[in-house]
Amino acid sequence: SFFRIAFLFSIDFIGNLLLVSLWMAGKARELFLRQLLPGRDVCMKSISPVQTMVFPIARQMANLMYLIGDKKLGKCIVVDPCWDVKGIIEVATKNEMKIAATVLTHYHFDHTGGVFNGVPVEGVYDLVQSLKVPVYVNEHDSEPVRKSNGISSAHLRPTKHHDVLVLSAEGLRVESRKPSGEGALWADEDHKQWEAGKGVQMRLLHTPGHSPGSHCILVNGRGLITGDTLFPGSCGSLENPDSDKIAMWHSFKMLSSLRGDTVVWPGHAQAGKHSTVDREQRAGFLKAIPLELWKTKDTFFI
């Protein structure tokens, strides 16, 4: 209907304003954040029979990958490099950025690469072979990544809840920070570190549910890359053998404590390319749902 179209248009318009606002705020402080979508930014033109098979799947699955870094330093990390590693590196190079590491939100092949129905899919293994960068993944998903992608222990860096990756002039380091208070408080602490010129702050929040080692990346306390933990109005599948509905409920409860204006950057685009914590609290899966009611919910989305 006309009203539904107008509503969706207004939501997208507001979302784009938020996106632009975050970008302009980051631009003033040299933050580099780029969202990559197959068919728009990568997986554009196949140069091999395998890519001819794989790229249409990538466009259909609409995975979202991210480059996060410091424009002044010319360095960034890549989140969930998959499908077209050469294309990802080319985007970074065109923006005068050098990839210093990769962070995986979880171990599933459409975020890491590997093999899909017998067909090889480019991913983190190819990135490591090309650039020799470290691979950061939550400790509970590190073994599946090692096995399915052949990543050696020399490059694999298992992480814990509330580890913070800091990208600064001194390089890339990991700090283990104990949170004080709820999400809005430690998000503000990270933002102050960024404002003080102490580097890009990427806090790794363990959010089990979709997979045992799923984690979200809180960027400078103001942007949240959620992988398959949270999408606009929905969440990743909880029907996988190692998914956990109860763990997901607790993960959502933690994320709902973040600032309402935190921009949400999901791992797939089917439900939308961005949202906010406030919007998901009002109309999505961050809405307060009693645990007993959550247990009875049997319909999940992507």
C-alpha atoms as a PDB file:
ATOM      1  CA  SER A   1       0.000   0.000   0.000  1.00  0.00           C
ATOM      2  CA  PHE A   2       0.938   3.654  -0.304  1.00  0.00           C
ATOM      3  CA  PHE A   3       1.323   4.043   3.460  1.00  0.00           C
ATOM      4  CA  ARG A   4       3.577   0.986   3.742  1.00  0.00           C
ATOM      5  CA  ILE A   5       5.780   2.268   0.910  1.00  0.00           C
ATOM      6  CA  ALA A   6       5.920   5.719   2.512  1.00  0.00           C
ATOM      7  CA  PHE A   7       6.808   4.153   5.873  1.00  0.00           C
ATOM      8  CA  LEU A   8       9.596   2.017   4.422  1.00  0.00           C
ATOM      9  CA  PHE A   9      10.925   5.008   2.486  1.00  0.00           C
ATOM     10  CA  SER A  10      10.997   7.137   5.628  1.00  0.00           C
ATOM     11  CA  ILE A  11      12.774   4.379   7.578  1.00  0.00           C
ATOM     12  CA  ASP A  12      15.409   4.036   4.868  1.00  0.00           C
ATOM     13  CA  PHE A  13      15.779   7.813   4.620  1.00  0.00           C
ATOM     14  CA  ILE A  14      16.294   8.124   8.376  1.00  0.00           C
ATOM     15  CA  GLY A  15      18.728   5.220   8.286  1.00  0.00           C
ATOM     16  CA  ASN A  16      20.730   6.911   5.557  1.00  0.00           C
ATOM     17  CA  LEU A  17      20.853  10.103   7.610  1.00  0.00           C
ATOM     18  CA  LEU A  18      22.239   8.091  10.521  1.00  0.00           C
ATOM     19  CA  LEU A  19      24.756   6.457   8.230  1.00  0.00           C
ATOM     20  CA  VAL A  20      25.882   9.833   6.865  1.00  0.00           C
ATOM     21  CA  SER A  21      26.014  11.312  10.361  1.00  0.00           C
ATOM     22  CA  LEU A  22      28.263   8.507  11.603  1.00  0.00           C
ATOM     23  CA  TRP A  23      30.476   8.866   8.548  1.00  0.00           C
ATOM     24  CA  MET A  24      30.819  12.641   8.887  1.00  0.00           C
ATOM     25  CA  ALA A  25      31.590  12.334  12.593  1.00  0.00           C
ATOM     26  CA  GLY A  26      34.221   9.733  11.802  1.00  0.00           C
ATOM     27  CA  LYS A  27      35.599  11.719   8.876  1.00  0.00           C
ATOM     28  CA  ALA A  28      36.422  14.657  11.129  1.00  0.00           C
ATOM     29  CA  ARG A  29      38.499  12.324  13.290  1.00  0.00           C
ATOM     30  CA  GLU A  30      39.905  10.263  10.419  1.00  0.00           C
ATOM     31  CA  LEU A  31      37.716   7.199  11.031  1.00  0.00           C
ATOM     32  CA  PHE A  32      37.431   4.931   7.987  1.00  0.00           C
ATOM     33  CA  LEU A  33      34.381   2.666   7.843  1.00  0.00           C
ATOM     34  CA  ARG A  34      33.258   1.047   4.604  1.00  0.00           C
ATOM     35  CA  GLN A  35      30.462  -1.490   4.157  1.00  0.00           C
ATOM     36  CA  LEU A  36      30.982  -3.967   1.285  1.00  0.00           C
ATOM     37  CA  LEU A  37      28.104  -5.739  -0.461  1.00  0.00           C
ATOM     38  CA  PRO A  38      28.451  -8.435  -3.165  1.00  0.00           C
ATOM     39  CA  GLY A  39      27.173  -7.112  -6.472  1.00  0.00           C
ATOM     40  CA  ARG A  40      27.724  -3.514  -5.421  1.00  0.00           C
ATOM     41  CA  ASP A  41      31.313  -3.352  -4.144  1.00  0.00           C
ATOM     42  CA  VAL A  42      32.766  -6.843  -4.698  1.00  0.00           C
ATOM     43  CA  CYS A  43      31.858 -10.003  -6.662  1.00  0.00           C
ATOM     44  CA  MET A  44      31.248  -7.802  -9.687  1.00  0.00           C
ATOM     45  CA  LYS A  45      32.985  -9.594 -12.555  1.00  0.00           C
ATOM     46  CA  SER A  46      34.106 -13.214 -12.440  1.00  0.00           C
ATOM     47  CA  ILE A  47      37.472 -14.143 -13.884  1.00  0.00           C
ATOM     48  CA  SER A  48      37.316 -17.903 -13.298  1.00  0.00           C
ATOM     49  CA  PRO A  49      34.779 -20.741 -13.609  1.00  0.00           C
ATOM     50  CA  VAL A  50      34.612 -21.022  -9.807  1.00  0.00           C
ATOM     51  CA  GLN A  51      33.799 -17.327  -9.435  1.00  0.00           C
ATOM     52  CA  THR A  52      31.138 -17.693 -12.126  1.00  0.00           C
ATOM     53  CA  MET A  53      29.494 -20.296  -9.873  1.00  0.00           C
ATOM     54  CA  VAL A  54      30.113 -18.533  -6.561  1.00  0.00           C
ATOM     55  CA  PHE A  55      29.422 -14.846  -7.239  1.00  0.00           C
ATOM     56  CA  PRO A  56      25.668 -15.297  -7.907  1.00  0.00           C
ATOM     57  CA  ILE A  57      25.407 -17.150  -4.579  1.00  0.00           C
ATOM     58  CA  ALA A  58      27.244 -14.312  -2.854  1.00  0.00           C
ATOM     59  CA  ARG A  59      24.862 -11.756  -4.336  1.00  0.00           C
ATOM     60  CA  GLN A  60      21.868 -13.834  -3.277  1.00  0.00           C
ATOM     61  CA  MET A  61      23.128 -14.282   0.293  1.00  0.00           C
ATOM     62  CA  ALA A  62      23.903 -10.551   0.471  1.00  0.00           C
ATOM     63  CA  ASN A  63      26.671 -10.852   3.042  1.00  0.00           C
ATOM     64  CA  LEU A  64      27.926  -7.548   4.382  1.00  0.00           C
ATOM     65  CA  MET A  65      31.656  -7.161   4.997  1.00  0.00           C
ATOM     66  CA  TYR A  66      33.375  -4.184   6.571  1.00  0.00           C
ATOM     67  CA  LEU A  67      36.620  -2.246   6.453  1.00  0.00           C
ATOM     68  CA  ILE A  68      37.338  -0.327   9.666  1.00  0.00           C
ATOM     69  CA  GLY A  69      40.402   1.784  10.232  1.00  0.00           C
ATOM     70  CA  ASP A  70      42.165   5.088  10.605  1.00  0.00           C
ATOM     71  CA  LYS A  71      42.314   7.110   7.406  1.00  0.00           C
ATOM     72  CA  LYS A  72      45.282   9.135   8.614  1.00  0.00           C
ATOM     73  CA  LEU A  73      47.282   5.992   9.374  1.00  0.00           C
ATOM     74  CA  GLY A  74      46.176   4.312   6.154  1.00  0.00           C
ATOM     75  CA  LYS A  75      45.495   1.045   7.986  1.00  0.00           C
ATOM     76  CA  CYS A  76      42.328  -0.964   8.550  1.00  0.00           C
ATOM     77  CA  ILE A  77      40.954  -4.338   9.555  1.00  0.00           C
ATOM     78  CA  VAL A  78      38.489  -6.325   7.460  1.00  0.00           C
ATOM     79  CA  VAL A  79      35.472  -8.013   9.015  1.00  0.00           C
ATOM     80  CA  ASP A  80      34.311 -11.351   7.562  1.00  0.00           C
ATOM     81  CA  PRO A  81      36.358 -11.414   4.320  1.00  0.00           C
ATOM     82  CA  CYS A  82      34.578 -13.815   1.997  1.00  0.00           C
ATOM     83  CA  TRP A  83      33.625 -14.572  -1.627  1.00  0.00           C
ATOM     84  CA  ASP A  84      36.024 -12.148  -3.366  1.00  0.00           C
ATOM     85  CA  VAL A  85      39.249 -11.523  -1.460  1.00  0.00           C
ATOM     86  CA  LYS A  86      40.977  -9.813  -4.378  1.00  0.00           C
ATOM     87  CA  GLY A  87      37.999  -7.489  -4.708  1.00  0.00           C
ATOM     88  CA  ILE A  88      38.127  -6.656  -0.990  1.00  0.00           C
ATOM     89  CA  ILE A  89      41.832  -5.842  -1.185  1.00  0.00           C
ATOM     90  CA  GLU A  90      41.206  -3.691  -4.259  1.00  0.00           C
ATOM     91  CA  VAL A  91      38.581  -1.638  -2.406  1.00  0.00           C
ATOM     92  CA  ALA A  92      41.007  -1.073   0.454  1.00  0.00           C
ATOM     93  CA  THR A  93      43.796  -0.127  -1.955  1.00  0.00           C
ATOM     94  CA  LYS A  94      41.599   2.326  -3.885  1.00  0.00           C
ATOM     95  CA  ASN A  95      40.869   4.032  -0.581  1.00  0.00           C
ATOM     96  CA  GLU A  96      44.603   4.145   0.225  1.00  0.00           C
ATOM     97  CA  MET A  97      44.173   1.695   3.083  1.00  0.00           C
ATOM     98  CA  LYS A  98      46.346  -1.282   3.997  1.00  0.00           C
ATOM     99  CA  ILE A  99      44.663  -4.277   5.646  1.00  0.00           C
ATOM    100  CA  ALA A 100      46.427  -5.047   8.937  1.00  0.00           C
ATOM    101  CA  ALA A 101      44.209  -7.862  10.273  1.00  0.00           C
ATOM    102  CA  THR A 102      40.863  -9.579   9.951  1.00  0.00           C
ATOM    103  CA  VAL A 103      38.102 -10.154  12.495  1.00  0.00           C
ATOM    104  CA  LEU A 104      35.547 -12.930  12.018  1.00  0.00           C
ATOM    105  CA  THR A 105      32.120 -12.500  13.613  1.00  0.00           C
ATOM    106  CA  HIS A 106      31.646 -16.296  13.631  1.00  0.00           C
ATOM    107  CA  TYR A 107      32.819 -19.445  11.860  1.00  0.00           C
ATOM    108  CA  HIS A 108      30.158 -20.048   9.163  1.00  0.00           C
ATOM    109  CA  PHE A 109      31.463 -20.393   5.602  1.00  0.00           C
ATOM    110  CA  ASP A 110      29.611 -17.361   4.195  1.00  0.00           C
ATOM    111  CA  HIS A 111      31.636 -15.171   6.576  1.00  0.00           C
ATOM    112  CA  THR A 112      34.977 -16.979   6.492  1.00  0.00           C
ATOM    113  CA  GLY A 113      35.146 -18.829   3.181  1.00  0.00           C
ATOM    114  CA  GLY A 114      35.854 -22.520   2.866  1.00  0.00           C
ATOM    115  CA  VAL A 115      33.820 -25.061   0.918  1.00  0.00           C
ATOM    116  CA  PHE A 116      30.138 -24.852  -0.015  1.00  0.00           C
ATOM    117  CA  ASN A 117      28.522 -27.922  -1.596  1.00  0.00           C
ATOM    118  CA  GLY A 118      31.927 -29.054  -2.807  1.00  0.00           C
ATOM    119  CA  VAL A 119      32.789 -25.664  -4.327  1.00  0.00           C
ATOM    120  CA  PRO A 120      35.711 -23.670  -2.871  1.00  0.00           C
ATOM    121  CA  VAL A 121      34.759 -20.220  -1.596  1.00  0.00           C
ATOM    122  CA  GLU A 122      37.427 -17.549  -1.185  1.00  0.00           C
ATOM    123  CA  GLY A 123      37.867 -16.253   2.320  1.00  0.00           C
ATOM    124  CA  VAL A 124      40.147 -15.803   5.274  1.00  0.00           C
ATOM    125  CA  TYR A 125      42.633 -18.456   4.090  1.00  0.00           C
ATOM    126  CA  ASP A 126      43.217 -16.550   0.843  1.00  0.00           C
ATOM    127  CA  LEU A 127      43.567 -13.273   2.736  1.00  0.00           C
ATOM    128  CA  VAL A 128      46.191 -14.770   5.050  1.00  0.00           C
ATOM    129  CA  GLN A 129      48.073 -16.253   2.092  1.00  0.00           C
ATOM    130  CA  SER A 130      48.091 -12.885   0.329  1.00  0.00           C
ATOM    131  CA  LEU A 131      48.785 -10.495   3.208  1.00  0.00           C
ATOM    132  CA  LYS A 132      50.045 -12.678   6.114  1.00  0.00           C
ATOM    133  CA  VAL A 133      47.678 -10.928   8.534  1.00  0.00           C
ATOM    134  CA  PRO A 134      46.449 -12.203  11.919  1.00  0.00           C
ATOM    135  CA  VAL A 135      42.924 -13.612  12.249  1.00  0.00           C
ATOM    136  CA  TYR A 136      40.882 -12.608  15.303  1.00  0.00           C
ATOM    137  CA  VAL A 137      37.945 -14.851  16.200  1.00  0.00           C
ATOM    138  CA  ASN A 138      36.225 -15.652  19.481  1.00  0.00           C
ATOM    139  CA  GLU A 139      37.845 -18.536  21.315  1.00  0.00           C
ATOM    140  CA  HIS A 140      34.669 -20.649  21.062  1.00  0.00           C
ATOM    141  CA  ASP A 141      34.669 -20.482  17.246  1.00  0.00           C
ATOM    142  CA  SER A 142      38.424 -20.599  16.694  1.00  0.00           C
ATOM    143  CA  GLU A 143      38.703 -24.369  16.304  1.00  0.00           C
ATOM    144  CA  PRO A 144      35.995 -24.600  13.588  1.00  0.00           C
ATOM    145  CA  VAL A 145      37.751 -21.775  11.731  1.00  0.00           C
ATOM    146  CA  ARG A 146      41.083 -23.564  11.974  1.00  0.00           C
ATOM    147  CA  LYS A 147      39.628 -26.836  10.732  1.00  0.00           C
ATOM    148  CA  SER A 148      37.425 -25.518   7.924  1.00  0.00           C
ATOM    149  CA  ASN A 149      39.846 -22.906   6.609  1.00  0.00           C
ATOM    150  CA  GLY A 150      43.273 -24.326   7.347  1.00  0.00           C
ATOM    151  CA  ILE A 151      44.438 -21.327   9.363  1.00  0.00           C
ATOM    152  CA  SER A 152      47.661 -22.054  11.211  1.00  0.00           C
ATOM    153  CA  SER A 153      48.102 -21.242  14.884  1.00  0.00           C
ATOM    154  CA  ALA A 154      50.742 -18.718  13.822  1.00  0.00           C
ATOM    155  CA  HIS A 155      48.001 -16.523  12.368  1.00  0.00           C
ATOM    156  CA  LEU A 156      44.984 -17.446  14.532  1.00  0.00           C
ATOM    157  CA  ARG A 157      44.267 -15.128  17.474  1.00  0.00           C
ATOM    158  CA  PRO A 158      41.440 -16.430  19.721  1.00  0.00           C
ATOM    159  CA  THR A 159      39.723 -13.616  21.627  1.00  0.00           C
ATOM    160  CA  LYS A 160      37.638 -13.293  24.778  1.00  0.00           C
ATOM    161  CA  HIS A 161      34.598 -11.272  25.812  1.00  0.00           C
ATOM    162  CA  HIS A 162      35.494  -7.572  26.171  1.00  0.00           C
ATOM    163  CA  ASP A 163      38.863  -7.830  24.465  1.00  0.00           C
ATOM    164  CA  VAL A 164      39.442  -4.527  22.671  1.00  0.00           C
ATOM    165  CA  LEU A 165      41.377  -4.279  19.417  1.00  0.00           C
ATOM    166  CA  VAL A 166      43.105  -0.914  19.279  1.00  0.00           C
ATOM    167  CA  LEU A 167      44.450   0.375  15.967  1.00  0.00           C
ATOM    168  CA  SER A 168      46.777   3.312  16.530  1.00  0.00           C
ATOM    169  CA  ALA A 169      50.085   4.781  15.394  1.00  0.00           C
ATOM    170  CA  GLU A 170      51.791   2.157  17.571  1.00  0.00           C
ATOM    171  CA  GLY A 171      50.169  -0.628  15.556  1.00  0.00           C
ATOM    172  CA  LEU A 172      47.390  -3.102  16.335  1.00  0.00           C
ATOM    173  CA  ARG A 173      47.156  -4.450  19.874  1.00  0.00           C
ATOM    174  CA  VAL A 174      44.655  -6.280  22.072  1.00  0.00           C
ATOM    175  CA  GLU A 175      43.636  -4.910  25.448  1.00  0.00           C
ATOM    176  CA  SER A 176      41.552  -6.896  27.922  1.00  0.00           C
ATOM    177  CA  ARG A 177      39.207  -4.440  29.617  1.00  0.00           C
ATOM    178  CA  LYS A 178      36.801  -5.275  32.386  1.00  0.00           C
ATOM    179  CA  PRO A 179      33.550  -3.402  31.770  1.00  0.00           C
ATOM    180  CA  SER A 180      32.217  -0.931  34.300  1.00  0.00           C
ATOM    181  CA  GLY A 181      28.447  -0.727  34.505  1.00  0.00           C
ATOM    182  CA  GLU A 182      26.153  -1.480  31.572  1.00  0.00           C
ATOM    183  CA  GLY A 183      26.739  -1.099  27.863  1.00  0.00           C
ATOM    184  CA  ALA A 184      26.155   2.638  27.562  1.00  0.00           C
ATOM    185  CA  LEU A 185      28.857   3.323  30.165  1.00  0.00           C
ATOM    186  CA  TRP A 186      31.654   1.241  28.680  1.00  0.00           C
ATOM    187  CA  ALA A 187      30.670   2.389  25.201  1.00  0.00           C
ATOM    188  CA  ASP A 188      31.223   5.969  26.354  1.00  0.00           C
ATOM    189  CA  GLU A 189      34.588   4.957  27.818  1.00  0.00           C
ATOM    190  CA  ASP A 190      35.677   3.584  24.429  1.00  0.00           C
ATOM    191  CA  HIS A 191      34.428   6.713  22.684  1.00  0.00           C
ATOM    192  CA  LYS A 192      36.471   8.901  25.022  1.00  0.00           C
ATOM    193  CA  GLN A 193      39.576   6.857  24.168  1.00  0.00           C
ATOM    194  CA  TRP A 194      38.919   7.498  20.474  1.00  0.00           C
ATOM    195  CA  GLU A 195      38.214  11.198  21.051  1.00  0.00           C
ATOM    196  CA  ALA A 196      41.485  11.492  22.982  1.00  0.00           C
ATOM    197  CA  GLY A 197      43.421  10.249  19.954  1.00  0.00           C
ATOM    198  CA  LYS A 198      44.252   6.835  21.407  1.00  0.00           C
ATOM    199  CA  GLY A 199      43.292   4.904  18.282  1.00  0.00           C
ATOM    200  CA  VAL A 200      40.290   3.141  16.820  1.00  0.00           C
ATOM    201  CA  GLN A 201      38.588   1.155  19.579  1.00  0.00           C
ATOM    202  CA  MET A 202      36.991  -2.152  18.553  1.00  0.00           C
ATOM    203  CA  ARG A 203      35.455  -3.916  21.548  1.00  0.00           C
ATOM    204  CA  LEU A 204      34.633  -7.603  20.952  1.00  0.00           C
ATOM    205  CA  LEU A 205      31.389  -8.567  22.652  1.00  0.00           C
ATOM    206  CA  HIS A 206      30.781 -12.304  22.934  1.00  0.00           C
ATOM    207  CA  THR A 207      27.173 -12.874  21.814  1.00  0.00           C
ATOM    208  CA  PRO A 208      26.588 -16.646  21.665  1.00  0.00           C
ATOM    209  CA  GLY A 209      23.370 -17.924  20.175  1.00  0.00           C
ATOM    210  CA  HIS A 210      23.701 -18.192  16.413  1.00  0.00           C
ATOM    211  CA  SER A 211      27.007 -19.969  17.037  1.00  0.00           C
ATOM    212  CA  PRO A 212      28.922 -20.650  20.271  1.00  0.00           C
ATOM    213  CA  GLY A 213      31.577 -18.059  19.433  1.00  0.00           C
ATOM    214  CA  SER A 214      29.584 -15.339  17.710  1.00  0.00           C
ATOM    215  CA  HIS A 215      30.700 -11.890  18.717  1.00  0.00           C
ATOM    216  CA  CYS A 216      29.808  -8.314  17.811  1.00  0.00           C
ATOM    217  CA  ILE A 217      32.269  -5.486  17.260  1.00  0.00           C
ATOM    218  CA  LEU A 218      31.561  -2.198  19.016  1.00  0.00           C
ATOM    219  CA  VAL A 219      33.434   0.502  17.087  1.00  0.00           C
ATOM    220  CA  ASN A 220      34.440   3.545  19.146  1.00  0.00           C
ATOM    221  CA  GLY A 221      31.377   2.965  21.311  1.00  0.00           C
ATOM    222  CA  ARG A 222      29.035   4.227  18.589  1.00  0.00           C
ATOM    223  CA  GLY A 223      28.726   1.586  15.842  1.00  0.00           C
ATOM    224  CA  LEU A 224      27.957  -2.122  16.298  1.00  0.00           C
ATOM    225  CA  ILE A 225      28.867  -4.724  13.682  1.00  0.00           C
ATOM    226  CA  THR A 226      26.635  -7.649  14.545  1.00  0.00           C
ATOM    227  CA  GLY A 227      27.425 -10.438  12.071  1.00  0.00           C
ATOM    228  CA  ASP A 228      24.504 -12.896  12.239  1.00  0.00           C
ATOM    229  CA  THR A 229      23.613 -12.087  15.841  1.00  0.00           C
ATOM    230  CA  LEU A 230      21.244  -9.245  14.999  1.00  0.00           C
ATOM    231  CA  PHE A 231      19.570  -7.983  11.820  1.00  0.00           C
ATOM    232  CA  PRO A 232      17.040  -5.175  11.465  1.00  0.00           C
ATOM    233  CA  GLY A 233      13.872  -6.732  12.847  1.00  0.00           C
ATOM    234  CA  SER A 234      15.273 -10.259  13.022  1.00  0.00           C
ATOM    235  CA  CYS A 235      18.265 -12.420  13.903  1.00  0.00           C
ATOM    236  CA  GLY A 236      20.389 -15.218  12.509  1.00  0.00           C
ATOM    237  CA  SER A 237      19.116 -18.791  12.445  1.00  0.00           C
ATOM    238  CA  LEU A 238      18.795 -20.569  15.777  1.00  0.00           C
ATOM    239  CA  GLU A 239      18.175 -23.936  14.134  1.00  0.00           C
ATOM    240  CA  ASN A 240      21.820 -24.902  13.628  1.00  0.00           C
ATOM    241  CA  PRO A 241      23.069 -27.889  15.647  1.00  0.00           C
ATOM    242  CA  ASP A 242      25.206 -25.671  17.890  1.00  0.00           C
ATOM    243  CA  SER A 243      22.790 -22.724  18.137  1.00  0.00           C
ATOM    244  CA  ASP A 244      21.420 -21.807  21.552  1.00  0.00           C
ATOM    245  CA  LYS A 245      18.133 -19.905  21.984  1.00  0.00           C
ATOM    246  CA  ILE A 246      18.688 -19.167  25.662  1.00  0.00           C
ATOM    247  CA  ALA A 247      22.212 -17.869  25.070  1.00  0.00           C
ATOM    248  CA  MET A 248      20.827 -15.618  22.314  1.00  0.00           C
ATOM    249  CA  TRP A 249      18.265 -14.145  24.708  1.00  0.00           C
ATOM    250  CA  HIS A 250      21.065 -13.206  27.113  1.00  0.00           C
ATOM    251  CA  SER A 251      23.122 -11.781  24.229  1.00  0.00           C
ATOM    252  CA  PHE A 252      20.217  -9.550  23.185  1.00  0.00           C
ATOM    253  CA  LYS A 253      19.753  -8.421  26.772  1.00  0.00           C
ATOM    254  CA  MET A 254      23.389  -7.289  26.884  1.00  0.00           C
ATOM    255  CA  LEU A 255      23.202  -5.498  23.521  1.00  0.00           C
ATOM    256  CA  SER A 256      20.012  -3.720  24.555  1.00  0.00           C
ATOM    257  CA  SER A 257      22.018  -1.961  27.297  1.00  0.00           C
ATOM    258  CA  LEU A 258      24.009  -0.028  24.678  1.00  0.00           C
ATOM    259  CA  ARG A 259      23.181   3.571  23.793  1.00  0.00           C
ATOM    260  CA  GLY A 260      20.024   3.879  21.746  1.00  0.00           C
ATOM    261  CA  ASP A 261      21.794   5.894  19.041  1.00  0.00           C
ATOM    262  CA  THR A 262      24.336   3.116  18.429  1.00  0.00           C
ATOM    263  CA  VAL A 263      24.253   2.320  14.699  1.00  0.00           C
ATOM    264  CA  VAL A 264      23.760  -1.393  13.953  1.00  0.00           C
ATOM    265  CA  TRP A 265      25.662  -2.810  10.976  1.00  0.00           C
ATOM    266  CA  PRO A 266      24.414  -6.382  10.251  1.00  0.00           C
ATOM    267  CA  GLY A 267      26.090  -9.316   8.536  1.00  0.00           C
ATOM    268  CA  HIS A 268      23.457  -9.664   5.786  1.00  0.00           C
ATOM    269  CA  ALA A 269      21.469  -7.074   3.853  1.00  0.00           C
ATOM    270  CA  GLN A 270      18.165  -8.882   3.233  1.00  0.00           C
ATOM    271  CA  ALA A 271      16.440  -7.187   6.172  1.00  0.00           C
ATOM    272  CA  GLY A 272      18.245  -3.870   5.717  1.00  0.00           C
ATOM    273  CA  LYS A 273      21.798  -2.575   5.639  1.00  0.00           C
ATOM    274  CA  HIS A 274      21.699  -0.697   8.927  1.00  0.00           C
ATOM    275  CA  SER A 275      19.562   0.125  11.946  1.00  0.00           C
ATOM    276  CA  THR A 276      19.983   1.487  15.480  1.00  0.00           C
ATOM    277  CA  VAL A 277      19.809  -0.073  18.923  1.00  0.00           C
ATOM    278  CA  ASP A 278      16.834   2.174  19.704  1.00  0.00           C
ATOM    279  CA  ARG A 279      14.931   0.990  16.641  1.00  0.00           C
ATOM    280  CA  GLU A 280      15.610  -2.665  17.501  1.00  0.00           C
ATOM    281  CA  GLN A 281      14.494  -2.047  21.089  1.00  0.00           C
ATOM    282  CA  ARG A 282      11.189  -0.707  19.791  1.00  0.00           C
ATOM    283  CA  ALA A 283      10.463  -3.068  16.905  1.00  0.00           C
ATOM    284  CA  GLY A 284      13.166  -5.736  16.737  1.00  0.00           C
ATOM    285  CA  PHE A 285      14.796  -8.480  18.750  1.00  0.00           C
ATOM    286  CA  LEU A 286      16.269  -6.120  21.337  1.00  0.00           C
ATOM    287  CA  LYS A 287      12.749  -5.482  22.552  1.00  0.00           C
ATOM    288  CA  ALA A 288      12.288  -6.669  26.151  1.00  0.00           C
ATOM    289  CA  ILE A 289      10.831 -10.175  25.927  1.00  0.00           C
ATOM    290  CA  PRO A 290      10.395 -12.345  29.057  1.00  0.00           C
ATOM    291  CA  LEU A 291      12.616 -15.404  28.913  1.00  0.00           C
ATOM    292  CA  GLU A 292       9.680 -17.800  29.282  1.00  0.00           C
ATOM    293  CA  LEU A 293       7.944 -16.206  26.300  1.00  0.00           C
ATOM    294  CA  TRP A 294      11.191 -16.276  24.294  1.00  0.00           C
ATOM    295  CA  LYS A 295      11.478 -20.019  24.909  1.00  0.00           C
ATOM    296  CA  THR A 296       8.144 -20.557  23.162  1.00  0.00           C
ATOM    297  CA  LYS A 297       9.144 -18.571  20.078  1.00  0.00           C
ATOM    298  CA  ASP A 298       9.802 -21.019  17.263  1.00  0.00           C
ATOM    299  CA  THR A 299       9.998 -18.732  14.234  1.00  0.00           C
ATOM    300  CA  PHE A 300      13.279 -17.036  13.480  1.00  0.00           C
ATOM    301  CA  PHE A 301      14.375 -15.397  10.312  1.00  0.00           C
ATOM    302  CA  ILE A 302      17.499 -15.369   8.155  1.00  0.00           C
END
